[in-house]
Amino acid sequence: MLSIELSQDIEKRLNDLSKQTGKTTDFYVREAIIEHLEDLEDYYLAELRLKSNVPSINIEQVEKELGLAN
């Protein structure tokens, strides 16, 4: 169970969409979360990695290690 507060504008848009399509507002909220969760994970995990000072590897090194370099 999840509880979130939405602005009146967003709630109205969700309700209007729900009425027009016959799908629940929960359906659309779930779809929005699923659609954007991977992007959020990538962004915040990348941000954490940058802050951790872990050395990076350039693309040429990756290709060489995988045997893809010419």
N, C-alpha and C. Protein backbone atom coordinates (compact mmCIF):
# COMPACT_ATOMS: atom_id res chain seq x y z
N MET A 1 0.84 -1.17 0.00
CA MET A 1 0.00 0.00 0.00
C MET A 1 0.88 1.23 0.00
N LEU A 2 0.53 2.20 -0.80
CA LEU A 2 1.29 3.42 -0.94
C LEU A 2 0.32 4.59 -0.90
N SER A 3 0.72 5.61 -0.20
CA SER A 3 -0.11 6.80 -0.13
C SER A 3 0.72 8.00 -0.57
N ILE A 4 0.21 8.76 -1.56
CA ILE A 4 0.93 9.93 -2.03
C ILE A 4 -0.03 11.11 -2.13
N GLU A 5 0.51 12.30 -1.99
CA GLU A 5 -0.29 13.50 -2.17
C GLU A 5 -0.01 14.06 -3.55
N LEU A 6 -1.06 14.38 -4.27
CA LEU A 6 -0.94 14.96 -5.60
C LEU A 6 -1.58 16.34 -5.59
N SER A 7 -1.09 17.19 -6.47
CA SER A 7 -1.72 18.50 -6.61
C SER A 7 -3.13 18.30 -7.16
N GLN A 8 -3.99 19.27 -6.95
CA GLN A 8 -5.36 19.18 -7.45
C GLN A 8 -5.38 19.05 -8.97
N ASP A 9 -4.44 19.73 -9.62
CA ASP A 9 -4.37 19.67 -11.08
C ASP A 9 -4.05 18.25 -11.56
N ILE A 10 -3.05 17.63 -10.95
CA ILE A 10 -2.67 16.26 -11.35
C ILE A 10 -3.81 15.30 -11.05
N GLU A 11 -4.42 15.44 -9.89
CA GLU A 11 -5.52 14.55 -9.53
C GLU A 11 -6.69 14.71 -10.50
N LYS A 12 -6.99 15.94 -10.90
CA LYS A 12 -8.06 16.17 -11.86
C LYS A 12 -7.73 15.53 -13.21
N ARG A 13 -6.48 15.68 -13.64
CA ARG A 13 -6.07 15.08 -14.92
C ARG A 13 -6.19 13.56 -14.87
N LEU A 14 -5.76 12.97 -13.76
CA LEU A 14 -5.89 11.51 -13.61
C LEU A 14 -7.35 11.08 -13.62
N ASN A 15 -8.18 11.81 -12.87
CA ASN A 15 -9.60 11.47 -12.82
C ASN A 15 -10.25 11.62 -14.19
N ASP A 16 -9.92 12.69 -14.91
CA ASP A 16 -10.48 12.89 -16.25
C ASP A 16 -10.06 11.76 -17.20
N LEU A 17 -8.79 11.41 -17.16
CA LEU A 17 -8.29 10.33 -18.01
C LEU A 17 -8.98 9.02 -17.66
N SER A 18 -9.14 8.78 -16.39
CA SER A 18 -9.79 7.56 -15.93
C SER A 18 -11.23 7.48 -16.44
N LYS A 19 -11.94 8.58 -16.33
CA LYS A 19 -13.34 8.60 -16.79
C LYS A 19 -13.43 8.41 -18.30
N GLN A 20 -12.49 9.02 -19.02
CA GLN A 20 -12.53 8.93 -20.49
C GLN A 20 -12.15 7.55 -21.01
N THR A 21 -11.33 6.83 -20.27
CA THR A 21 -10.83 5.55 -20.77
C THR A 21 -11.43 4.34 -20.07
N GLY A 22 -12.05 4.55 -18.92
CA GLY A 22 -12.61 3.43 -18.19
C GLY A 22 -11.59 2.67 -17.36
N LYS A 23 -10.37 3.17 -17.28
CA LYS A 23 -9.34 2.54 -16.45
C LYS A 23 -9.21 3.33 -15.16
N THR A 24 -8.75 2.67 -14.11
CA THR A 24 -8.67 3.32 -12.81
C THR A 24 -7.49 4.29 -12.74
N THR A 25 -7.60 5.23 -11.81
CA THR A 25 -6.47 6.13 -11.58
C THR A 25 -5.28 5.33 -11.07
N ASP A 26 -5.52 4.29 -10.28
CA ASP A 26 -4.43 3.43 -9.80
C ASP A 26 -3.66 2.83 -10.97
N PHE A 27 -4.37 2.44 -12.01
CA PHE A 27 -3.73 1.88 -13.20
C PHE A 27 -2.73 2.88 -13.77
N TYR A 28 -3.16 4.13 -13.94
CA TYR A 28 -2.30 5.14 -14.55
C TYR A 28 -1.14 5.54 -13.64
N VAL A 29 -1.36 5.59 -12.35
CA VAL A 29 -0.27 5.89 -11.42
C VAL A 29 0.76 4.77 -11.47
N ARG A 30 0.31 3.53 -11.47
CA ARG A 30 1.20 2.37 -11.55
C ARG A 30 2.00 2.41 -12.86
N GLU A 31 1.32 2.68 -13.97
CA GLU A 31 1.99 2.76 -15.27
C GLU A 31 3.06 3.85 -15.28
N ALA A 32 2.76 5.00 -14.70
CA ALA A 32 3.73 6.10 -14.66
C ALA A 32 4.95 5.71 -13.85
N ILE A 33 4.73 5.06 -12.73
CA ILE A 33 5.86 4.64 -11.88
C ILE A 33 6.71 3.61 -12.61
N ILE A 34 6.08 2.62 -13.19
CA ILE A 34 6.82 1.58 -13.91
C ILE A 34 7.62 2.20 -15.05
N GLU A 35 7.01 3.12 -15.78
CA GLU A 35 7.64 3.76 -16.93
C GLU A 35 8.90 4.54 -16.55
N HIS A 36 8.89 5.18 -15.39
CA HIS A 36 9.99 6.08 -15.04
C HIS A 36 10.92 5.56 -13.94
N LEU A 37 10.59 4.46 -13.31
CA LEU A 37 11.41 3.95 -12.22
C LEU A 37 12.82 3.59 -12.67
N GLU A 38 12.95 2.95 -13.82
CA GLU A 38 14.27 2.55 -14.30
C GLU A 38 15.16 3.77 -14.54
N ASP A 39 14.59 4.83 -15.12
CA ASP A 39 15.36 6.05 -15.33
C ASP A 39 15.81 6.66 -14.00
N LEU A 40 14.93 6.67 -13.02
CA LEU A 40 15.29 7.20 -11.71
C LEU A 40 16.39 6.36 -11.06
N GLU A 41 16.27 5.05 -11.16
CA GLU A 41 17.30 4.17 -10.60
C GLU A 41 18.65 4.44 -11.26
N ASP A 42 18.66 4.52 -12.58
CA ASP A 42 19.90 4.78 -13.31
C ASP A 42 20.52 6.11 -12.87
N TYR A 43 19.71 7.13 -12.79
CA TYR A 43 20.20 8.46 -12.44
C TYR A 43 20.81 8.48 -11.04
N TYR A 44 20.07 7.99 -10.06
CA TYR A 44 20.55 8.08 -8.69
C TYR A 44 21.69 7.12 -8.40
N LEU A 45 21.71 5.96 -9.03
CA LEU A 45 22.84 5.04 -8.87
C LEU A 45 24.10 5.62 -9.52
N ALA A 46 23.94 6.27 -10.66
CA ALA A 46 25.08 6.92 -11.31
C ALA A 46 25.60 8.06 -10.44
N GLU A 47 24.70 8.82 -9.86
CA GLU A 47 25.09 9.91 -8.97
C GLU A 47 25.87 9.38 -7.77
N LEU A 48 25.41 8.29 -7.18
CA LEU A 48 26.12 7.68 -6.05
C LEU A 48 27.51 7.19 -6.47
N ARG A 49 27.59 6.60 -7.65
CA ARG A 49 28.89 6.11 -8.13
C ARG A 49 29.86 7.26 -8.33
N LEU A 50 29.39 8.38 -8.87
CA LEU A 50 30.26 9.54 -9.05
C LEU A 50 30.79 10.06 -7.72
N LYS A 51 29.96 10.03 -6.71
CA LYS A 51 30.35 10.52 -5.39
C LYS A 51 31.29 9.56 -4.67
N SER A 52 31.31 8.29 -5.08
CA SER A 52 32.11 7.29 -4.37
C SER A 52 33.57 7.26 -4.83
N ASN A 53 33.92 8.04 -5.85
CA ASN A 53 35.28 8.11 -6.37
C ASN A 53 35.83 6.77 -6.85
N VAL A 54 34.96 5.90 -7.34
CA VAL A 54 35.39 4.64 -7.94
C VAL A 54 35.99 4.97 -9.30
N PRO A 55 37.17 4.43 -9.61
CA PRO A 55 37.77 4.75 -10.91
C PRO A 55 36.88 4.27 -12.06
N SER A 56 36.83 5.05 -13.11
CA SER A 56 36.01 4.68 -14.26
C SER A 56 36.87 3.99 -15.31
N ILE A 57 36.20 3.33 -16.24
CA ILE A 57 36.88 2.64 -17.33
C ILE A 57 36.34 3.23 -18.63
N ASN A 58 37.23 3.60 -19.54
CA ASN A 58 36.74 4.16 -20.80
C ASN A 58 36.31 3.02 -21.74
N ILE A 59 35.62 3.39 -22.81
CA ILE A 59 35.04 2.40 -23.72
C ILE A 59 36.11 1.54 -24.39
N GLU A 60 37.28 2.12 -24.68
CA GLU A 60 38.34 1.35 -25.30
C GLU A 60 38.81 0.23 -24.37
N GLN A 61 38.91 0.51 -23.07
CA GLN A 61 39.32 -0.52 -22.12
C GLN A 61 38.27 -1.63 -22.04
N VAL A 62 37.02 -1.26 -22.05
CA VAL A 62 35.94 -2.26 -21.99
C VAL A 62 35.99 -3.15 -23.22
N GLU A 63 36.12 -2.53 -24.39
CA GLU A 63 36.18 -3.31 -25.63
C GLU A 63 37.37 -4.26 -25.63
N LYS A 64 38.53 -3.78 -25.13
CA LYS A 64 39.71 -4.62 -25.09
C LYS A 64 39.50 -5.81 -24.16
N GLU A 65 38.93 -5.56 -22.96
CA GLU A 65 38.70 -6.63 -22.00
C GLU A 65 37.69 -7.66 -22.51
N LEU A 66 36.76 -7.21 -23.33
CA LEU A 66 35.74 -8.12 -23.88
C LEU A 66 36.17 -8.75 -25.20
N GLY A 67 37.36 -8.39 -25.66
CA GLY A 67 37.85 -8.94 -26.92
C GLY A 67 37.17 -8.34 -28.13
N LEU A 68 36.68 -7.13 -28.00
CA LEU A 68 35.97 -6.48 -29.10
C LEU A 68 36.84 -5.44 -29.81
N ALA A 69 38.01 -5.18 -29.30
CA ALA A 69 38.89 -4.17 -29.90
C ALA A 69 39.53 -4.72 -31.17
N ASN A 70 39.74 -3.85 -32.13
CA ASN A 70 40.38 -4.25 -33.39
C ASN A 70 41.85 -4.38 -33.23
